[in-house]
C-alpha atoms as a PDB file:
ATOM      1  CA  MET A   1      17.496  47.285 -51.405  1.00  0.00           C
ATOM      2  CA  ALA A   2      15.195  48.622 -54.115  1.00  0.00           C
ATOM      3  CA  GLU A   3      15.384  52.311 -54.960  1.00  0.00           C
ATOM      4  CA  SER A   4      12.567  54.543 -56.144  1.00  0.00           C
ATOM      5  CA  VAL A   5      12.259  54.981 -59.887  1.00  0.00           C
ATOM      6  CA  VAL A   6      11.203  58.310 -61.359  1.00  0.00           C
ATOM      7  CA  TYR A   7       9.083  58.120 -64.410  1.00  0.00           C
ATOM      8  CA  ALA A   8       8.785  61.143 -66.788  1.00  0.00           C
ATOM      9  CA  ASP A   9       5.717  61.639 -68.870  1.00  0.00           C
ATOM     10  CA  LEU A  10       7.010  63.188 -72.117  1.00  0.00           C
ATOM     11  CA  LYS A  11       4.644  64.649 -74.639  1.00  0.00           C
ATOM     12  CA  PHE A  12       5.811  65.936 -78.007  1.00  0.00           C
ATOM     13  CA  ALA A  13       3.871  68.553 -80.006  1.00  0.00           C
ATOM     14  CA  VAL A  14       3.777  68.062 -83.761  1.00  0.00           C
ATOM     15  CA  ALA A  15       3.737  71.258 -85.831  1.00  0.00           C
ATOM     16  CA  LEU A  16       1.023  71.232 -88.384  1.00  0.00           C
ATOM     17  CA  PRO A  17       1.141  73.337 -91.564  1.00  0.00           C
ATOM     18  CA  PRO A  18      -0.933  76.446 -91.417  1.00  0.00           C
ATOM     19  CA  THR A  19      -4.299  76.237 -92.990  1.00  0.00           C
ATOM     20  CA  THR A  20      -6.306  78.924 -94.517  1.00  0.00           C
ATOM     21  CA  PRO A  21      -9.624  79.465 -92.913  1.00  0.00           C
ATOM     22  CA  ALA A  22     -12.462  78.448 -95.111  1.00  0.00           C
ATOM     23  CA  CYS A  23     -14.378  81.470 -94.383  1.00  0.00           C
ATOM     24  CA  PRO A  24     -12.256  84.442 -93.329  1.00  0.00           C
ATOM     25  CA  THR A  25     -14.025  87.182 -91.606  1.00  0.00           C
ATOM     26  CA  ALA A  26     -14.603  90.175 -93.585  1.00  0.00           C
ATOM     27  CA  PRO A  27     -13.013  93.290 -92.176  1.00  0.00           C
ATOM     28  CA  ASP A  28     -14.717  96.505 -92.168  1.00  0.00           C
ATOM     29  CA  GLU A  29     -14.595  98.178 -95.472  1.00  0.00           C
ATOM     30  CA  ASP A  30     -13.334 101.340 -94.025  1.00  0.00           C
ATOM     31  CA  ASP A  31     -10.335  99.843 -92.196  1.00  0.00           C
ATOM     32  CA  SER A  32      -9.152  97.243 -94.731  1.00  0.00           C
ATOM     33  CA  PRO A  33      -6.300  98.466 -96.975  1.00  0.00           C
ATOM     34  CA  TYR A  34      -6.924  95.597 -99.269  1.00  0.00           C
ATOM     35  CA  GLU A  35      -9.331  95.152-101.962  1.00  0.00           C
ATOM     36  CA  ASN A  36     -12.360  93.265-101.178  1.00  0.00           C
ATOM     37  CA  MET A  37     -12.402  89.838-102.607  1.00  0.00           C
ATOM     38  CA  PRO A  38     -15.415  87.940-103.488  1.00  0.00           C
ATOM     39  CA  LEU A  39     -16.330  84.985-101.385  1.00  0.00           C
ATOM     40  CA  GLY A  40     -15.476  81.588-102.612  1.00  0.00           C
ATOM     41  CA  THR A  41     -12.130  82.470-104.106  1.00  0.00           C
ATOM     42  CA  VAL A  42      -9.055  80.319-103.060  1.00  0.00           C
ATOM     43  CA  ALA A  43      -6.035  82.041-101.640  1.00  0.00           C
ATOM     44  CA  PRO A  44      -2.832  81.523-103.488  1.00  0.00           C
ATOM     45  CA  ALA A  45      -0.492  78.684-102.176  1.00  0.00           C
ATOM     46  CA  PRO A  46       2.723  79.681-100.430  1.00  0.00           C
ATOM     47  CA  SER A  47       5.852  79.626-102.361  1.00  0.00           C
ATOM     48  CA  PRO A  48       8.236  76.653-102.040  1.00  0.00           C
ATOM     49  CA  GLY A  49      10.933  78.816-100.551  1.00  0.00           C
ATOM     50  CA  ASN A  50       9.069  79.079 -97.225  1.00  0.00           C
ATOM     51  CA  TRP A  51       9.091  75.240 -96.243  1.00  0.00           C
ATOM     52  CA  PRO A  52      12.607  74.929 -94.702  1.00  0.00           C
ATOM     53  CA  ARG A  53      11.957  77.791 -92.345  1.00  0.00           C
ATOM     54  CA  ARG A  54       8.735  76.243 -91.109  1.00  0.00           C
ATOM     55  CA  TRP A  55      10.219  72.741 -90.438  1.00  0.00           C
ATOM     56  CA  ARG A  56      13.461  73.873 -88.869  1.00  0.00           C
ATOM     57  CA  VAL A  57      12.150  74.360 -85.295  1.00  0.00           C
ATOM     58  CA  PRO A  58      10.155  71.062 -85.008  1.00  0.00           C
ATOM     59  CA  ALA A  59      13.205  69.016 -86.128  1.00  0.00           C
ATOM     60  CA  GLY A  60      15.364  70.531 -83.353  1.00  0.00           C
ATOM     61  CA  LEU A  61      12.720  69.792 -80.810  1.00  0.00           C
ATOM     62  CA  LEU A  62      12.478  66.225 -82.078  1.00  0.00           C
ATOM     63  CA  ALA A  63      16.257  65.748 -81.802  1.00  0.00           C
ATOM     64  CA  ALA A  64      16.299  67.178 -78.291  1.00  0.00           C
ATOM     65  CA  SER A  65      13.382  64.970 -77.366  1.00  0.00           C
ATOM     66  CA  LEU A  66      15.129  61.913 -78.769  1.00  0.00           C
ATOM     67  CA  LEU A  67      18.310  62.806 -76.896  1.00  0.00           C
ATOM     68  CA  LEU A  68      16.363  63.297 -73.701  1.00  0.00           C
ATOM     69  CA  LEU A  69      14.564  60.003 -74.302  1.00  0.00           C
ATOM     70  CA  LEU A  70      17.915  58.261 -74.843  1.00  0.00           C
ATOM     71  CA  VAL A  71      19.316  59.732 -71.639  1.00  0.00           C
ATOM     72  CA  ALA A  72      16.190  58.697 -69.744  1.00  0.00           C
ATOM     73  CA  THR A  73      16.388  55.201 -71.250  1.00  0.00           C
ATOM     74  CA  ILE A  74      20.037  54.876 -70.236  1.00  0.00           C
ATOM     75  CA  ALA A  75      19.260  56.161 -66.737  1.00  0.00           C
ATOM     76  CA  LEU A  76      16.332  53.806 -66.411  1.00  0.00           C
ATOM     77  CA  GLY A  77      18.444  50.916 -67.702  1.00  0.00           C
ATOM     78  CA  THR A  78      21.172  51.750 -65.204  1.00  0.00           C
ATOM     79  CA  CYS A  79      18.652  51.944 -62.393  1.00  0.00           C
ATOM     80  CA  TYR A  80      17.084  48.697 -63.524  1.00  0.00           C
ATOM     81  CA  TRP A  81      20.488  47.016 -63.675  1.00  0.00           C
ATOM     82  CA  GLN A  82      21.373  48.290 -60.212  1.00  0.00           C
ATOM     83  CA  VAL A  83      18.018  47.229 -58.795  1.00  0.00           C
ATOM     84  CA  THR A  84      18.299  43.833 -60.498  1.00  0.00           C
ATOM     85  CA  ARG A  85      21.797  43.357 -59.119  1.00  0.00           C
ATOM     86  CA  ARG A  86      20.711  44.366 -55.659  1.00  0.00           C
ATOM     87  CA  LEU A  87      17.746  42.029 -55.900  1.00  0.00           C
ATOM     88  CA  GLN A  88      20.081  39.218 -56.955  1.00  0.00           C
ATOM     89  CA  ASP A  89      22.424  40.009 -54.060  1.00  0.00           C
ATOM     90  CA  THR A  90      19.468  40.128 -51.688  1.00  0.00           C
ATOM     91  CA  SER A  91      18.173  36.845 -53.107  1.00  0.00           C
ATOM     92  CA  ARG A  92      21.588  35.221 -52.632  1.00  0.00           C
ATOM     93  CA  GLU A  93      21.805  36.592 -49.100  1.00  0.00           C
ATOM     94  CA  HIS A  94      18.292  35.375 -48.403  1.00  0.00           C
ATOM     95  CA  THR A  95      19.154  31.933 -49.806  1.00  0.00           C
ATOM     96  CA  ALA A  96      22.326  31.802 -47.710  1.00  0.00           C
ATOM     97  CA  GLU A  97      20.430  32.927 -44.621  1.00  0.00           C
ATOM     98  CA  GLN A  98      17.730  30.366 -45.328  1.00  0.00           C
ATOM     99  CA  ASP A  99      20.361  27.633 -45.698  1.00  0.00           C
ATOM    100  CA  ARG A 100      22.013  28.735 -42.467  1.00  0.00           C
ATOM    101  CA  LEU A 101      18.690  28.771 -40.660  1.00  0.00           C
ATOM    102  CA  SER A 102      17.838  25.352 -42.106  1.00  0.00           C
ATOM    103  CA  GLN A 103      21.157  23.964 -40.881  1.00  0.00           C
ATOM    104  CA  GLU A 104      20.609  25.557 -37.480  1.00  0.00           C
ATOM    105  CA  VAL A 105      17.079  24.147 -37.273  1.00  0.00           C
ATOM    106  CA  SER A 106      18.389  20.718 -38.269  1.00  0.00           C
ATOM    107  CA  ALA A 107      21.105  20.945 -35.616  1.00  0.00           C
ATOM    108  CA  ARG A 108      18.527  22.055 -33.046  1.00  0.00           C
ATOM    109  CA  GLU A 109      16.270  19.148 -34.002  1.00  0.00           C
ATOM    110  CA  GLN A 110      19.162  16.697 -33.648  1.00  0.00           C
ATOM    111  CA  SER A 111      20.054  18.222 -30.294  1.00  0.00           C
ATOM    112  CA  LEU A 112      16.410  18.035 -29.223  1.00  0.00           C
ATOM    113  CA  GLU A 113      16.212  14.388 -30.289  1.00  0.00           C
ATOM    114  CA  GLN A 114      19.413  13.638 -28.379  1.00  0.00           C
ATOM    115  CA  THR A 115      17.978  15.430 -25.367  1.00  0.00           C
ATOM    116  CA  ARG A 116      14.796  13.392 -25.635  1.00  0.00           C
ATOM    117  CA  LEU A 117      16.805  10.163 -25.753  1.00  0.00           C
ATOM    118  CA  GLU A 118      18.843  11.240 -22.731  1.00  0.00           C
ATOM    119  CA  LEU A 119      15.640  12.197 -20.912  1.00  0.00           C
ATOM    120  CA  ALA A 120      14.081   8.806 -21.677  1.00  0.00           C
ATOM    121  CA  TRP A 121      17.259   7.082 -20.487  1.00  0.00           C
ATOM    122  CA  ALA A 122      17.284   9.180 -17.320  1.00  0.00           C
ATOM    123  CA  ARG A 123      13.618   8.341 -16.704  1.00  0.00           C
ATOM    124  CA  ALA A 124      14.357   4.636 -17.129  1.00  0.00           C
ATOM    125  CA  GLU A 125      17.260   4.873 -14.693  1.00  0.00           C
ATOM    126  CA  LEU A 126      15.108   6.844 -12.264  1.00  0.00           C
ATOM    127  CA  GLN A 127      12.353   4.238 -12.493  1.00  0.00           C
ATOM    128  CA  GLN A 128      14.861   1.450 -11.899  1.00  0.00           C
ATOM    129  CA  ALA A 129      16.401   3.337  -8.992  1.00  0.00           C
ATOM    130  CA  TRP A 130      12.939   3.948  -7.530  1.00  0.00           C
ATOM    131  CA  GLN A 131      12.101   0.261  -7.807  1.00  0.00           C
ATOM    132  CA  GLU A 132      15.404  -0.708  -6.223  1.00  0.00           C
ATOM    133  CA  GLY A 133      14.862   1.870  -3.495  1.00  0.00           C
ATOM    134  CA  ASN A 134      11.352   0.572  -2.890  1.00  0.00           C
ATOM    135  CA  SER A 135      12.663  -2.987  -2.725  1.00  0.00           C
ATOM    136  CA  SER A 136      15.422  -1.889  -0.373  1.00  0.00           C
ATOM    137  CA  GLN A 137      12.845  -0.088   1.758  1.00  0.00           C
ATOM    138  CA  LEU A 138      10.752  -3.248   1.976  1.00  0.00           C
ATOM    139  CA  GLU A 139      13.809  -5.304   2.874  1.00  0.00           C
ATOM    140  CA  LEU A 140      14.779  -2.718   5.474  1.00  0.00           C
ATOM    141  CA  GLU A 141      11.308  -2.802   6.987  1.00  0.00           C
ATOM    142  CA  SER A 142      11.432  -6.599   7.053  1.00  0.00           C
ATOM    143  CA  LEU A 143      14.858  -6.521   8.700  1.00  0.00           C
ATOM    144  CA  ASN A 144      13.625  -3.959  11.217  1.00  0.00           C
ATOM    145  CA  ALA A 145      10.650  -6.179  12.025  1.00  0.00           C
ATOM    146  CA  GLU A 146      12.937  -9.186  12.452  1.00  0.00           C
ATOM    147  CA  LEU A 147      15.286  -7.114  14.587  1.00  0.00           C
ATOM    148  CA  GLN A 148      12.390  -5.945  16.744  1.00  0.00           C
ATOM    149  CA  TYR A 149      11.164  -9.523  17.104  1.00  0.00           C
ATOM    150  CA  THR A 150      14.700 -10.686  17.962  1.00  0.00           C
ATOM    151  CA  ARG A 151      15.002  -7.944  20.562  1.00  0.00           C
ATOM    152  CA  GLN A 152      11.721  -8.973  22.112  1.00  0.00           C
ATOM    153  CA  GLU A 153      12.862 -12.585  22.196  1.00  0.00           C
ATOM    154  CA  MET A 154      16.155 -11.502  23.721  1.00  0.00           C
ATOM    155  CA  ASP A 155      14.292  -9.523  26.374  1.00  0.00           C
ATOM    156  CA  VAL A 156      12.127 -12.543  27.157  1.00  0.00           C
ATOM    157  CA  LEU A 157      15.169 -14.819  27.260  1.00  0.00           C
ATOM    158  CA  GLN A 158      17.000 -12.342  29.434  1.00  0.00           C
ATOM    159  CA  LYS A 159      14.092 -12.220  31.876  1.00  0.00           C
ATOM    160  CA  GLU A 160      13.877 -16.000  31.887  1.00  0.00           C
ATOM    161  CA  MET A 161      17.612 -16.134  32.382  1.00  0.00           C
ATOM    162  CA  GLN A 162      17.363 -13.791  35.319  1.00  0.00           C
ATOM    163  CA  GLU A 163      14.559 -15.866  36.808  1.00  0.00           C
ATOM    164  CA  VAL A 164      16.547 -19.062  36.269  1.00  0.00           C
ATOM    165  CA  GLN A 165      19.591 -17.404  37.785  1.00  0.00           C
ATOM    166  CA  VAL A 166      17.562 -16.363  40.822  1.00  0.00           C
ATOM    167  CA  LYS A 167      16.178 -19.868  41.152  1.00  0.00           C
ATOM    168  CA  LEU A 168      19.655 -21.287  40.688  1.00  0.00           C
ATOM    169  CA  ASN A 169      21.020 -19.018  43.369  1.00  0.00           C
ATOM    170  CA  ASP A 170      18.183 -20.017  45.683  1.00  0.00           C
ATOM    171  CA  SER A 171      18.806 -23.664  44.908  1.00  0.00           C
ATOM    172  CA  GLU A 172      22.519 -23.280  45.543  1.00  0.00           C
ATOM    173  CA  ASN A 173      21.816 -21.550  48.818  1.00  0.00           C
ATOM    174  CA  THR A 174      19.352 -24.262  49.793  1.00  0.00           C
ATOM    175  CA  VAL A 175      21.754 -27.025  48.796  1.00  0.00           C
ATOM    176  CA  SER A 176      24.550 -25.354  50.721  1.00  0.00           C
ATOM    177  CA  SER A 177      22.291 -25.039  53.746  1.00  0.00           C
ATOM    178  CA  LEU A 178      21.119 -28.618  53.501  1.00  0.00           C
ATOM    179  CA  ARG A 179      24.647 -29.906  53.133  1.00  0.00           C
ATOM    180  CA  ALA A 180      25.538 -28.298  56.439  1.00  0.00           C
ATOM    181  CA  CYS A 181      22.259 -29.314  57.990  1.00  0.00           C
ATOM    182  CA  VAL A 182      22.006 -32.345  60.253  1.00  0.00           C
ATOM    183  CA  ASN A 183      18.708 -34.169  60.451  1.00  0.00           C
ATOM    184  CA  THR A 184      18.477 -33.857  64.212  1.00  0.00           C
ATOM    185  CA  ASP A 185      19.232 -30.173  64.006  1.00  0.00           C
ATOM    186  CA  CYS A 186      17.091 -29.063  61.016  1.00  0.00           C
ATOM    187  CA  CYS A 187      14.010 -31.241  61.446  1.00  0.00           C
ATOM    188  CA  PRO A 188      12.100 -32.123  64.650  1.00  0.00           C
ATOM    189  CA  LEU A 189      12.465 -35.510  66.215  1.00  0.00           C
ATOM    190  CA  GLY A 190      10.625 -38.131  64.201  1.00  0.00           C
ATOM    191  CA  TRP A 191      10.771 -36.061  60.981  1.00  0.00           C
ATOM    192  CA  VAL A 192      12.974 -36.845  57.984  1.00  0.00           C
ATOM    193  CA  LEU A 193      14.743 -34.439  55.618  1.00  0.00           C
ATOM    194  CA  TYR A 194      13.754 -35.211  52.039  1.00  0.00           C
ATOM    195  CA  ARG A 195      14.240 -32.955  48.993  1.00  0.00           C
ATOM    196  CA  SER A 196      14.754 -29.798  51.099  1.00  0.00           C
ATOM    197  CA  LYS A 197      11.625 -30.517  53.165  1.00  0.00           C
ATOM    198  CA  CYS A 198      11.037 -31.954  56.606  1.00  0.00           C
ATOM    199  CA  LEU A 199       8.477 -34.752  56.243  1.00  0.00           C
ATOM    200  CA  PHE A 200       6.473 -36.521  58.936  1.00  0.00           C
ATOM    201  CA  VAL A 201       5.010 -39.898  57.956  1.00  0.00           C
ATOM    202  CA  SER A 202       2.366 -40.891  60.487  1.00  0.00           C
ATOM    203  CA  MET A 203       1.670 -44.363  61.676  1.00  0.00           C
ATOM    204  CA  GLU A 204      -1.824 -43.540  62.939  1.00  0.00           C
ATOM    205  CA  MET A 205      -4.974 -43.258  60.833  1.00  0.00           C
ATOM    206  CA  LYS A 206      -7.234 -40.217  60.826  1.00  0.00           C
ATOM    207  CA  THR A 207      -9.614 -38.357  58.559  1.00  0.00           C
ATOM    208  CA  TRP A 208      -8.276 -35.788  56.149  1.00  0.00           C
ATOM    209  CA  LEU A 209      -9.455 -32.906  58.353  1.00  0.00           C
ATOM    210  CA  ASP A 210      -7.919 -34.369  61.529  1.00  0.00           C
ATOM    211  CA  SER A 211      -4.697 -35.014  59.648  1.00  0.00           C
ATOM    212  CA  GLN A 212      -4.586 -31.398  58.488  1.00  0.00           C
ATOM    213  CA  MET A 213      -5.201 -30.194  62.072  1.00  0.00           C
ATOM    214  CA  TYR A 214      -2.364 -32.353  63.379  1.00  0.00           C
ATOM    215  CA  CYS A 215       0.046 -30.908  60.793  1.00  0.00           C
ATOM    216  CA  ARG A 216      -0.955 -27.362  61.660  1.00  0.00           C
ATOM    217  CA  SER A 217      -0.441 -28.017  65.355  1.00  0.00           C
ATOM    218  CA  ASN A 218       3.190 -28.815  64.482  1.00  0.00           C
ATOM    219  CA  LEU A 219       3.556 -25.653  62.353  1.00  0.00           C
ATOM    220  CA  ALA A 220       3.294 -27.733  59.185  1.00  0.00           C
ATOM    221  CA  GLN A 221       0.750 -28.752  56.576  1.00  0.00           C
ATOM    222  CA  LEU A 222      -0.220 -31.801  54.612  1.00  0.00           C
ATOM    223  CA  LEU A 223       2.206 -32.604  51.805  1.00  0.00           C
ATOM    224  CA  VAL A 224       1.495 -30.441  48.753  1.00  0.00           C
ATOM    225  CA  PRO A 225       3.287 -31.871  45.721  1.00  0.00           C
ATOM    226  CA  ASP A 226       4.522 -29.314  43.199  1.00  0.00           C
ATOM    227  CA  ASN A 227       4.254 -30.625  39.637  1.00  0.00           C
ATOM    228  CA  TRP A 228       3.469 -34.077  41.003  1.00  0.00           C
ATOM    229  CA  SER A 229       6.109 -36.679  40.291  1.00  0.00           C
ATOM    230  CA  PRO A 230       7.108 -39.967  41.918  1.00  0.00           C
ATOM    231  CA  TRP A 231      10.012 -38.146  43.538  1.00  0.00           C
ATOM    232  CA  THR A 232       7.641 -36.070  45.640  1.00  0.00           C
ATOM    233  CA  VAL A 233       7.065 -38.977  48.055  1.00  0.00           C
ATOM    234  CA  PRO A 234      10.012 -40.919  49.524  1.00  0.00           C
ATOM    235  CA  HIS A 235      10.627 -44.289  47.955  1.00  0.00           C
ATOM    236  CA  PHE A 236      10.084 -46.129  51.203  1.00  0.00           C
ATOM    237  CA  VAL A 237       6.571 -44.683  51.368  1.00  0.00           C
ATOM    238  CA  GLN A 238       5.913 -45.773  47.797  1.00  0.00           C
ATOM    239  CA  ALA A 239       7.274 -49.236  48.503  1.00  0.00           C
ATOM    240  CA  SER A 240       4.998 -49.748  51.477  1.00  0.00           C
ATOM    241  CA  GLY A 241       1.918 -49.686  49.242  1.00  0.00           C
ATOM    242  CA  ALA A 242      -0.032 -47.746  51.906  1.00  0.00           C
ATOM    243  CA  LYS A 243      -2.399 -44.842  51.279  1.00  0.00           C
ATOM    244  CA  TYR A 244      -1.579 -41.449  52.809  1.00  0.00           C
ATOM    245  CA  TRP A 245      -3.532 -38.217  53.016  1.00  0.00           C
ATOM    246  CA  ILE A 246      -1.896 -35.271  51.226  1.00  0.00           C
ATOM    247  CA  GLY A 247      -2.770 -31.612  51.187  1.00  0.00           C
ATOM    248  CA  GLU A 248      -5.009 -31.260  48.124  1.00  0.00           C
ATOM    249  CA  LYS A 249      -8.752 -31.290  48.592  1.00  0.00           C
ATOM    250  CA  SER A 250     -11.039 -31.985  45.682  1.00  0.00           C
ATOM    251  CA  ARG A 251     -14.660 -30.938  45.241  1.00  0.00           C
ATOM    252  CA  TYR A 252     -17.694 -32.775  46.538  1.00  0.00           C
ATOM    253  CA  SER A 253     -16.006 -33.909  49.826  1.00  0.00           C
ATOM    254  CA  TYR A 254     -13.229 -35.802  48.102  1.00  0.00           C
ATOM    255  CA  CYS A 255      -9.630 -35.377  49.165  1.00  0.00           C
ATOM    256  CA  SER A 256      -6.293 -36.396  47.672  1.00  0.00           C
ATOM    257  CA  ILE A 257      -4.302 -39.416  48.742  1.00  0.00           C
ATOM    258  CA  THR A 258      -1.048 -40.852  47.474  1.00  0.00           C
ATOM    259  CA  TYR A 259      -0.865 -44.522  46.654  1.00  0.00           C
ATOM    260  CA  SER A 260       2.175 -46.262  45.170  1.00  0.00           C
ATOM    261  CA  GLY A 261       3.655 -42.900  44.174  1.00  0.00           C
ATOM    262  CA  LYS A 262       0.495 -41.762  42.340  1.00  0.00           C
ATOM    263  CA  ARG A 263      -2.212 -39.322  43.302  1.00  0.00           C
ATOM    264  CA  HIS A 264      -5.806 -40.458  43.816  1.00  0.00           C
ATOM    265  CA  THR A 265      -8.984 -39.123  45.436  1.00  0.00           C
ATOM    266  CA  TYR A 266     -10.997 -40.581  48.271  1.00  0.00           C
ATOM    267  CA  HIS A 267     -13.864 -39.468  50.502  1.00  0.00           C
ATOM    268  CA  CYS A 268     -12.522 -37.083  53.111  1.00  0.00           C
ATOM    269  CA  SER A 269     -14.202 -39.021  55.953  1.00  0.00           C
ATOM    270  CA  GLY A 270     -11.967 -42.053  55.405  1.00  0.00           C
ATOM    271  CA  ASN A 271      -9.201 -42.917  57.848  1.00  0.00           C
ATOM    272  CA  PHE A 272      -5.674 -43.108  56.477  1.00  0.00           C
ATOM    273  CA  PRO A 273      -2.179 -42.195  57.605  1.00  0.00           C
ATOM    274  CA  TRP A 274      -0.924 -38.786  56.516  1.00  0.00           C
ATOM    275  CA  ILE A 275       2.244 -36.961  55.546  1.00  0.00           C
ATOM    276  CA  CYS A 276       3.103 -33.515  56.900  1.00  0.00           C
ATOM    277  CA  GLU A 277       5.704 -31.137  55.486  1.00  0.00           C
ATOM    278  CA  LYS A 278       7.494 -27.995  56.604  1.00  0.00           C
ATOM    279  CA  PRO A 279      10.750 -26.230  55.751  1.00  0.00           C
ATOM    280  CA  PRO A 280      13.879 -27.144  57.691  1.00  0.00           C
ATOM    281  CA  ASP A 281      14.886 -24.978  60.624  1.00  0.00           C
ATOM    282  CA  LEU A 282      18.084 -23.211  59.655  1.00  0.00           C
ATOM    283  CA  SER A 283      18.264 -21.247  62.886  1.00  0.00           C
ATOM    284  CA  SER A 284      19.739 -24.269  64.648  1.00  0.00           C
ATOM    285  CA  PRO A 285      23.508 -24.708  65.276  1.00  0.00           C
ATOM    286  CA  SER A 286      23.771 -26.153  61.770  1.00  0.00           C
ATOM    287  CA  LYS A 287      23.210 -22.646  60.402  1.00  0.00           C
ATOM    288  CA  THR A 288      26.232 -21.502  62.345  1.00  0.00           C
ATOM    289  CA  ARG A 289      28.178 -24.329  60.788  1.00  0.00           C
ATOM    290  CA  LEU A 290      26.929 -23.242  57.359  1.00  0.00           C
ATOM    291  CA  LEU A 291      28.170 -19.697  57.882  1.00  0.00           C
ATOM    292  CA  LEU A 292      31.536 -20.983  59.029  1.00  0.00           C
ATOM    293  CA  LEU A 293      31.777 -23.186  55.941  1.00  0.00           C
ATOM    294  CA  ALA A 294      30.870 -20.259  53.724  1.00  0.00           C
ATOM    295  CA  LYS A 295      33.591 -18.091  55.283  1.00  0.00           C
ATOM    296  CA  GLY A 296      36.116 -20.904  54.939  1.00  0.00           C
END
């Protein structure tokens, strides 16, 4: 660090030789012990023996001043050298500190650049992971939709299966009953058992309305084919080629007849044979036989 420098302002007085006044004042005549001199006369010059005494004091002062000036110069030089050295040390320290700070800044910049690269890499990975997650989410939603649809289909199939099972059980029960059923026991006299129904094929001819009334009087109805097929009517009826009233009535006074195993329409006032149907009577002794067979 710089120190304060003290400067001394030195002034040296130069002794001048005494001069004789040009015009000395004239003393009073009464007080002066000397003789009056006329004006304009020059005083006599001093003798040579007086010069060394006059110059002796100024030379000592000059030597002391020179010595003091030398001491001050040495002191100032020493102070200057110390200040210069300290300034050089400070400059070297400043340079070293600047180099250290430069290296630290460079290291920080490299670290910052590395951090930026890592951040960019992390962002790229995050973007890729987000895209993969979004794709996985879409696939999961699609799979959930397919699973939901499959569950719905399974529910529908299960319901259909239950319905088919119920129908199968009913069919098995009906088949078991019909196997144990005897025509004379399950169906009235003159009726035939055909496809789990008791059918009556008339030989007389009546209108559709009279035919329906006859069937009802026997606790039956005109044949109502379900999902009409040739198997609805016995083959011997189909082979006869005759026309028979059946239970469907069309609009505009037209009723249904069966002819050669096919369904047709005809005016309801026409006279044709008819076919009645009713379920077999399982309360007859054949039912008892069925129960015995089931227990066996």
